[in-house]
Amino acid sequence: MTITAKELAKKLNLSAAAVSMALNHKPGVSTATRKLVMDAAVEYGYDFSRISDKHSVTGNIYFVLYKKHGAVVADTPFFSELSDGIVLGCKESGYKVKISYIYGDEGDVEEQLEEIQYSDCVGIVLLGTEMTPEDLKIFNKLPIPFVLLDTYFETVDCNYVLINNVQGAYLAASHLIKKTKKQPGYLKSSYPIGNFAERNSGFFKAVRSYGMASSKSIVHSLTPSIDGAYADMREILENGEELAPCYFADNDLIAVGAMKALKEYGYAIPDDIAIVGFDNIPLSRIIEPSLTTIHVPKQYMGEMAARRLITILNEKGTKPVKIEIATQLIERNSVS
């Protein structure tokens, strides 16, 4: 025999209103109370068909930023533009957005997720930039639909929205080869994430397509931040390592840091060394010389992720999809 909400309230010594809010995933009760009610409802056999399905009730969409080492996911314009797009995409359907951080290196991810699971969250846009397939397992256990943003795993079935990294890096390397008529080098991120691995593929695909040997491209491993890349590039220059006549950098932050170090050592950009970045962050327009880069429509990415999530919430039986957002070469003054 099933238990009613009123009987459940009596058993838990709570008001009927508090139990109703918890069961219907409405704000107004604490996370602890919501968890207590939901766990007891399952234990005592509450008939959840009495209430609307969680995916169709009013609630909030959460933009969850998963930070592991924090070397890539930081408070930069890139991620704020993603957030703006998610808000815009959700607003179209009447949803509000809450932002939450999950710290993957703190070892209590399950506890952190409980705060979201027993809240008013009806769906998640999950920023997976720093995630691995192993990190994603716990999210797949949630009774809440999610869309994974800014990464892709061949082995995991879920909904993805990401940059076409291979295309972007191919455009960048091709541009360098056509403009300089020389073999490009690669300023590679020292932190391995999926996006950078795909850019690596795109870069070397372009090199090979122009009849050049991949092994002849000079590769430097740099920290994916301005200060880190600057320090790493200074060390390379101090050690007298061989330099390439032009470079593709995994992101704009690496490009800007490397350019700063090269200029301090007397190299003229682009006359001595040409550089192309990736992301088209605002700084790329105002540094000297302005940075040729790959534009990523970040706000549009966020919008697409929100729209995909809302489709999942509104339609039964949807199948997982992978949505890749095309990139665009932006020509500026760091390449002649």
Protein backbone atom coordinates (compact mmCIF):
# COMPACT_ATOMS: atom_id res chain seq x y z
CA MET A 1 0.00 0.00 0.00
CA THR A 2 1.31 3.44 -0.91
CA ILE A 3 1.70 6.34 1.47
CA THR A 4 0.10 9.76 0.92
CA ALA A 5 1.92 13.08 1.21
CA LYS A 6 -0.16 13.90 4.30
CA GLU A 7 0.81 10.61 5.98
CA LEU A 8 4.43 11.18 5.02
CA ALA A 9 4.33 14.63 6.64
CA LYS A 10 2.99 13.09 9.85
CA LYS A 11 5.69 10.40 9.90
CA LEU A 12 8.42 12.98 9.42
CA ASN A 13 6.87 15.52 11.78
CA LEU A 14 6.86 18.13 9.01
CA SER A 15 4.12 20.39 7.68
CA ALA A 16 2.13 19.17 4.67
CA ALA A 17 3.29 22.30 2.80
CA ALA A 18 6.97 21.48 3.38
CA VAL A 19 6.49 17.90 2.14
CA SER A 20 4.58 19.14 -0.91
CA MET A 21 7.32 21.63 -1.81
CA ALA A 22 9.98 18.93 -1.46
CA LEU A 23 8.07 16.35 -3.53
CA ASN A 24 7.30 18.88 -6.27
CA HIS A 25 10.87 20.21 -6.36
CA LYS A 26 9.81 23.72 -5.49
CA PRO A 27 11.91 26.22 -3.55
CA GLY A 28 11.05 26.94 0.08
CA VAL A 29 12.66 24.03 1.91
CA SER A 30 16.28 23.34 2.79
CA THR A 31 18.43 20.85 0.90
CA ALA A 32 18.52 18.62 4.01
CA THR A 33 14.72 18.63 4.35
CA ARG A 34 14.23 17.96 0.64
CA LYS A 35 16.60 14.97 0.84
CA LEU A 36 14.86 13.67 3.98
CA VAL A 37 11.45 13.84 2.28
CA MET A 38 12.61 12.28 -1.01
CA ASP A 39 14.43 9.42 0.73
CA ALA A 40 11.45 8.72 2.99
CA ALA A 41 9.05 8.87 0.03
CA VAL A 42 11.03 6.16 -1.74
CA GLU A 43 11.34 4.08 1.45
CA TYR A 44 7.61 4.18 2.25
CA GLY A 45 6.47 3.63 -1.34
CA TYR A 46 5.07 7.05 -2.21
CA ASP A 47 3.36 7.03 -5.63
CA PHE A 48 5.29 9.66 -7.61
CA SER A 49 2.71 9.54 -10.41
CA ARG A 50 0.53 11.67 -8.10
CA ILE A 51 2.71 14.64 -8.96
CA SER A 52 3.97 15.99 -12.27
CA ASP A 53 7.09 14.43 -13.71
CA LYS A 54 10.15 16.29 -12.47
CA HIS A 55 11.15 17.25 -16.01
CA SER A 56 7.93 19.11 -16.69
CA VAL A 57 7.54 21.10 -13.47
CA THR A 58 8.67 24.65 -13.01
CA GLY A 59 12.25 24.84 -11.79
CA ASN A 60 15.65 26.18 -12.65
CA ILE A 61 18.33 25.05 -15.07
CA TYR A 62 21.78 24.88 -13.53
CA PHE A 63 24.97 25.82 -15.35
CA VAL A 64 27.49 23.59 -13.56
CA LEU A 65 31.17 24.37 -14.06
CA TYR A 66 33.35 21.37 -13.29
CA LYS A 67 36.79 22.51 -12.15
CA LYS A 68 39.51 19.91 -11.76
CA HIS A 69 42.89 21.63 -11.89
CA GLY A 70 41.55 25.08 -12.80
CA ALA A 71 44.30 25.60 -15.38
CA VAL A 72 41.77 25.98 -18.19
CA VAL A 73 38.40 26.70 -16.54
CA ALA A 74 38.80 30.13 -15.01
CA ASP A 75 36.79 33.33 -14.74
CA THR A 76 37.61 34.47 -18.28
CA PRO A 77 35.48 36.13 -20.97
CA PHE A 78 35.27 32.76 -22.76
CA PHE A 79 33.22 31.15 -19.98
CA SER A 80 31.20 34.27 -19.19
CA GLU A 81 30.05 34.39 -22.83
CA LEU A 82 29.01 30.72 -22.62
CA SER A 83 27.01 31.61 -19.51
CA ASP A 84 25.34 34.55 -21.28
CA GLY A 85 24.28 32.23 -24.10
CA ILE A 86 22.81 29.68 -21.67
CA VAL A 87 20.80 32.40 -19.94
CA LEU A 88 19.51 33.62 -23.31
CA GLY A 89 18.58 30.12 -24.47
CA CYS A 90 16.75 29.37 -21.22
CA LYS A 91 14.93 32.70 -21.15
CA GLU A 92 13.23 31.84 -24.45
CA SER A 93 11.41 28.99 -22.68
CA GLY A 94 10.82 30.75 -19.37
CA TYR A 95 13.59 29.06 -17.39
CA LYS A 96 15.96 30.84 -15.05
CA VAL A 97 19.61 29.84 -14.68
CA LYS A 98 21.62 29.24 -11.54
CA ILE A 99 25.39 28.83 -11.64
CA SER A 100 27.12 26.21 -9.51
CA TYR A 101 30.71 24.97 -9.24
CA ILE A 102 31.80 21.39 -8.72
CA TYR A 103 35.41 20.96 -7.59
CA GLY A 104 36.60 17.63 -8.92
CA ASP A 105 39.90 17.62 -7.03
CA GLU A 106 38.29 17.85 -3.58
CA GLY A 107 37.17 14.21 -3.43
CA ASP A 108 33.59 14.86 -2.28
CA VAL A 109 31.92 15.32 -5.67
CA GLU A 110 28.96 13.16 -4.63
CA GLU A 111 28.25 15.43 -1.65
CA GLN A 112 28.60 18.53 -3.83
CA LEU A 113 26.13 17.04 -6.32
CA GLU A 114 23.56 16.31 -3.61
CA GLU A 115 23.12 20.05 -3.16
CA ILE A 116 22.01 20.21 -6.80
CA GLN A 117 20.08 16.93 -6.91
CA TYR A 118 17.82 17.89 -4.00
CA SER A 119 17.36 21.49 -5.10
CA ASP A 120 14.96 23.05 -7.62
CA CYS A 121 17.16 21.88 -10.52
CA VAL A 122 15.30 20.31 -13.46
CA GLY A 123 18.24 20.10 -15.87
CA ILE A 124 21.98 20.77 -16.09
CA VAL A 125 24.27 22.32 -18.67
CA LEU A 126 27.57 20.80 -17.57
CA LEU A 127 30.83 22.48 -18.53
CA GLY A 128 33.09 19.50 -19.17
CA THR A 129 36.24 21.27 -20.39
CA GLU A 130 38.44 19.74 -17.68
CA MET A 131 36.56 16.45 -17.33
CA THR A 132 37.49 12.87 -18.22
CA PRO A 133 35.08 10.01 -18.98
CA GLU A 134 35.68 8.77 -15.42
CA ASP A 135 34.59 12.13 -13.98
CA LEU A 136 31.34 11.93 -15.93
CA LYS A 137 30.19 8.62 -14.43
CA ILE A 138 28.65 10.17 -11.34
CA PHE A 139 26.61 12.62 -13.45
CA ASN A 140 25.19 9.74 -15.49
CA LYS A 141 23.71 8.35 -12.26
CA LEU A 142 21.70 11.52 -11.58
CA PRO A 143 17.93 11.45 -12.18
CA ILE A 144 18.37 14.85 -13.85
CA PRO A 145 19.00 15.30 -17.61
CA PHE A 146 22.14 17.13 -18.65
CA VAL A 147 23.96 18.39 -21.74
CA LEU A 148 27.75 18.22 -21.75
CA LEU A 149 29.34 21.43 -23.01
CA ASP A 150 32.81 21.99 -24.48
CA THR A 151 34.10 18.42 -24.57
CA TYR A 152 33.39 15.03 -26.18
CA PHE A 153 34.05 11.41 -25.19
CA GLU A 154 33.80 8.66 -27.81
CA THR A 155 32.99 6.08 -25.14
CA VAL A 156 30.14 7.91 -23.37
CA ASP A 157 26.58 8.19 -24.69
CA CYS A 158 25.16 11.61 -23.85
CA ASN A 159 24.23 14.95 -25.39
CA TYR A 160 27.19 17.11 -26.44
CA VAL A 161 27.65 20.68 -27.65
CA LEU A 162 31.24 21.59 -28.49
CA ILE A 163 33.61 23.49 -30.75
CA ASN A 164 34.81 21.93 -34.00
CA ASN A 165 38.39 21.99 -32.71
CA VAL A 166 39.84 19.96 -35.56
CA GLN A 167 38.44 22.37 -38.14
CA GLY A 168 39.67 25.43 -36.23
CA ALA A 169 43.24 24.17 -35.82
CA TYR A 170 43.30 23.06 -39.46
CA LEU A 171 42.28 26.58 -40.56
CA ALA A 172 44.99 28.12 -38.36
CA ALA A 173 47.82 25.88 -39.56
CA SER A 174 46.74 26.18 -43.20
CA HIS A 175 46.74 29.97 -42.92
CA LEU A 176 50.28 29.98 -41.49
CA ILE A 177 51.58 27.67 -44.23
CA LYS A 178 49.95 29.67 -47.03
CA LYS A 179 51.14 33.03 -45.69
CA THR A 180 54.67 32.16 -44.58
CA LYS A 181 55.44 29.29 -47.00
CA LYS A 182 57.21 27.64 -44.04
CA GLN A 183 56.67 24.69 -41.70
CA PRO A 184 54.64 25.83 -38.66
CA GLY A 185 55.55 25.03 -35.08
CA TYR A 186 53.09 24.25 -32.32
CA LEU A 187 52.70 25.95 -28.93
CA LYS A 188 51.01 23.06 -27.18
CA SER A 189 49.20 23.23 -23.83
CA SER A 190 51.01 21.39 -21.05
CA TYR A 191 47.60 20.47 -19.58
CA PRO A 192 45.92 17.66 -21.55
CA ILE A 193 42.20 18.20 -22.19
CA GLY A 194 39.96 16.94 -24.97
CA ASN A 195 39.80 20.26 -26.81
CA PHE A 196 43.58 20.53 -27.04
CA ALA A 197 43.91 16.92 -28.20
CA GLU A 198 41.50 17.67 -31.05
CA ARG A 199 43.39 20.85 -31.95
CA ASN A 200 46.57 18.77 -32.05
CA SER A 201 44.87 16.49 -34.58
CA GLY A 202 43.68 19.41 -36.70
CA PHE A 203 47.11 21.07 -36.70
CA PHE A 204 49.01 17.98 -37.83
CA LYS A 205 46.30 17.08 -40.33
CA ALA A 206 46.93 20.44 -42.04
CA VAL A 207 50.71 19.99 -41.90
CA ARG A 208 50.45 16.61 -43.62
CA SER A 209 47.93 17.86 -46.18
CA TYR A 210 50.55 20.37 -47.39
CA GLY A 211 53.09 17.59 -47.88
CA MET A 212 55.11 18.38 -44.75
CA ALA A 213 56.41 15.81 -42.26
CA SER A 214 54.73 16.03 -38.85
CA SER A 215 58.03 15.19 -37.14
CA LYS A 216 59.62 18.39 -38.52
CA SER A 217 57.20 20.71 -36.73
CA ILE A 218 58.85 22.19 -33.64
CA VAL A 219 56.62 21.70 -30.58
CA HIS A 220 56.91 23.60 -27.29
CA SER A 221 54.81 22.65 -24.27
CA LEU A 222 53.48 25.75 -22.47
CA THR A 223 51.14 26.41 -19.56
CA PRO A 224 47.71 27.52 -20.91
CA SER A 225 47.72 30.93 -19.20
CA ILE A 226 49.40 34.23 -20.10
CA ASP A 227 51.81 34.26 -17.16
CA GLY A 228 52.54 30.54 -17.40
CA ALA A 229 53.16 30.61 -21.16
CA TYR A 230 55.34 33.70 -20.77
CA ALA A 231 57.51 32.01 -18.11
CA ASP A 232 57.76 28.78 -20.11
CA MET A 233 58.67 30.61 -23.32
CA ARG A 234 61.33 32.66 -21.53
CA GLU A 235 62.89 29.42 -20.31
CA ILE A 236 62.89 28.03 -23.87
CA LEU A 237 64.58 31.20 -25.13
CA GLU A 238 67.12 31.22 -22.28
CA ASN A 239 68.01 27.61 -23.09
CA GLY A 240 68.62 28.52 -26.71
CA GLU A 241 66.16 25.94 -28.06
CA GLU A 242 65.43 25.94 -31.78
CA LEU A 243 62.49 28.12 -32.78
CA ALA A 244 60.00 27.76 -35.62
CA PRO A 245 59.38 30.58 -38.12
CA CYS A 246 55.67 30.55 -37.21
CA TYR A 247 53.42 28.95 -34.58
CA PHE A 248 49.90 27.80 -33.90
CA ALA A 249 48.98 28.11 -30.20
CA ASP A 250 46.37 25.94 -28.46
CA ASN A 251 44.67 29.06 -27.13
CA ASP A 252 44.99 32.85 -27.17
CA LEU A 253 46.39 32.96 -23.63
CA ILE A 254 49.35 30.80 -24.69
CA ALA A 255 49.83 32.93 -27.81
CA VAL A 256 49.81 36.21 -25.84
CA GLY A 257 52.26 34.92 -23.20
CA ALA A 258 54.62 33.53 -25.83
CA MET A 259 54.50 36.75 -27.86
CA LYS A 260 55.43 38.79 -24.79
CA ALA A 261 58.51 36.63 -24.16
CA LEU A 262 59.56 36.61 -27.83
CA LYS A 263 59.31 40.40 -28.08
CA GLU A 264 61.42 40.81 -24.93
CA TYR A 265 64.11 38.70 -26.60
CA GLY A 266 64.11 40.95 -29.67
CA TYR A 267 61.93 38.95 -32.04
CA ALA A 268 59.60 41.01 -34.23
CA ILE A 269 56.10 39.66 -34.72
CA PRO A 270 55.16 38.84 -37.44
CA ASP A 271 58.37 39.67 -39.35
CA ASP A 272 60.56 37.17 -37.47
CA ILE A 273 57.90 34.83 -36.08
CA ALA A 274 54.19 34.69 -36.98
CA ILE A 275 51.60 33.39 -34.50
CA VAL A 276 47.95 32.28 -34.66
CA GLY A 277 45.89 31.69 -31.51
CA PHE A 278 42.52 30.07 -30.79
CA ASP A 279 39.37 31.42 -29.04
CA ASN A 280 39.30 35.10 -30.14
CA ILE A 281 39.20 36.48 -26.60
CA PRO A 282 38.81 40.30 -26.29
CA LEU A 283 42.53 40.71 -25.46
CA SER A 284 43.48 39.32 -28.88
CA ARG A 285 42.15 42.50 -30.50
CA ILE A 286 44.04 44.99 -28.33
CA ILE A 287 47.52 43.50 -27.87
CA GLU A 288 50.34 44.70 -30.12
CA PRO A 289 50.38 43.34 -32.73
CA SER A 290 46.76 42.23 -32.72
CA LEU A 291 46.46 38.45 -32.77
CA THR A 292 45.28 36.41 -35.73
CA THR A 293 43.09 33.77 -34.16
CA ILE A 294 40.23 31.30 -34.50
CA HIS A 295 36.85 32.70 -33.53
CA VAL A 296 34.55 30.51 -31.45
CA PRO A 297 30.90 31.69 -31.24
CA LYS A 298 30.82 31.19 -27.49
CA GLN A 299 27.45 32.75 -26.75
CA TYR A 300 25.86 30.70 -29.53
CA MET A 301 27.39 27.54 -28.06
CA GLY A 302 25.73 28.32 -24.74
CA GLU A 303 22.40 28.99 -26.45
CA MET A 304 22.55 25.69 -28.35
CA ALA A 305 23.32 23.75 -25.16
CA ALA A 306 20.35 25.36 -23.38
CA ARG A 307 18.01 24.69 -26.30
CA ARG A 308 19.09 21.07 -26.52
CA LEU A 309 18.47 20.60 -22.79
CA ILE A 310 15.02 22.18 -23.03
CA THR A 311 14.18 19.86 -25.94
CA ILE A 312 15.13 16.89 -23.73
CA LEU A 313 12.94 18.26 -20.92
CA ASN A 314 9.94 18.78 -23.20
CA GLU A 315 10.10 15.74 -25.46
CA LYS A 316 10.10 12.10 -24.43
CA GLY A 317 12.33 9.55 -26.11
CA THR A 318 15.00 11.91 -27.44
CA LYS A 319 18.26 10.30 -28.54
CA PRO A 320 21.76 11.58 -27.65
CA VAL A 321 23.26 13.97 -30.20
CA LYS A 322 26.62 15.61 -30.79
CA ILE A 323 26.42 19.23 -31.95
CA GLU A 324 29.67 20.75 -33.24
CA ILE A 325 29.90 24.52 -33.66
CA ALA A 326 31.97 25.70 -36.63
CA THR A 327 34.86 28.13 -36.14
CA GLN A 328 36.16 31.04 -38.23
CA LEU A 329 39.63 32.41 -38.97
CA ILE A 330 40.06 36.04 -37.88
CA GLU A 331 42.98 37.67 -39.70
CA ARG A 332 44.87 40.34 -37.78
CA ASN A 333 48.48 41.53 -37.57
CA SER A 334 50.42 38.65 -35.96
CA VAL A 335 50.74 37.04 -39.42
CA SER A 336 52.06 39.06 -42.39
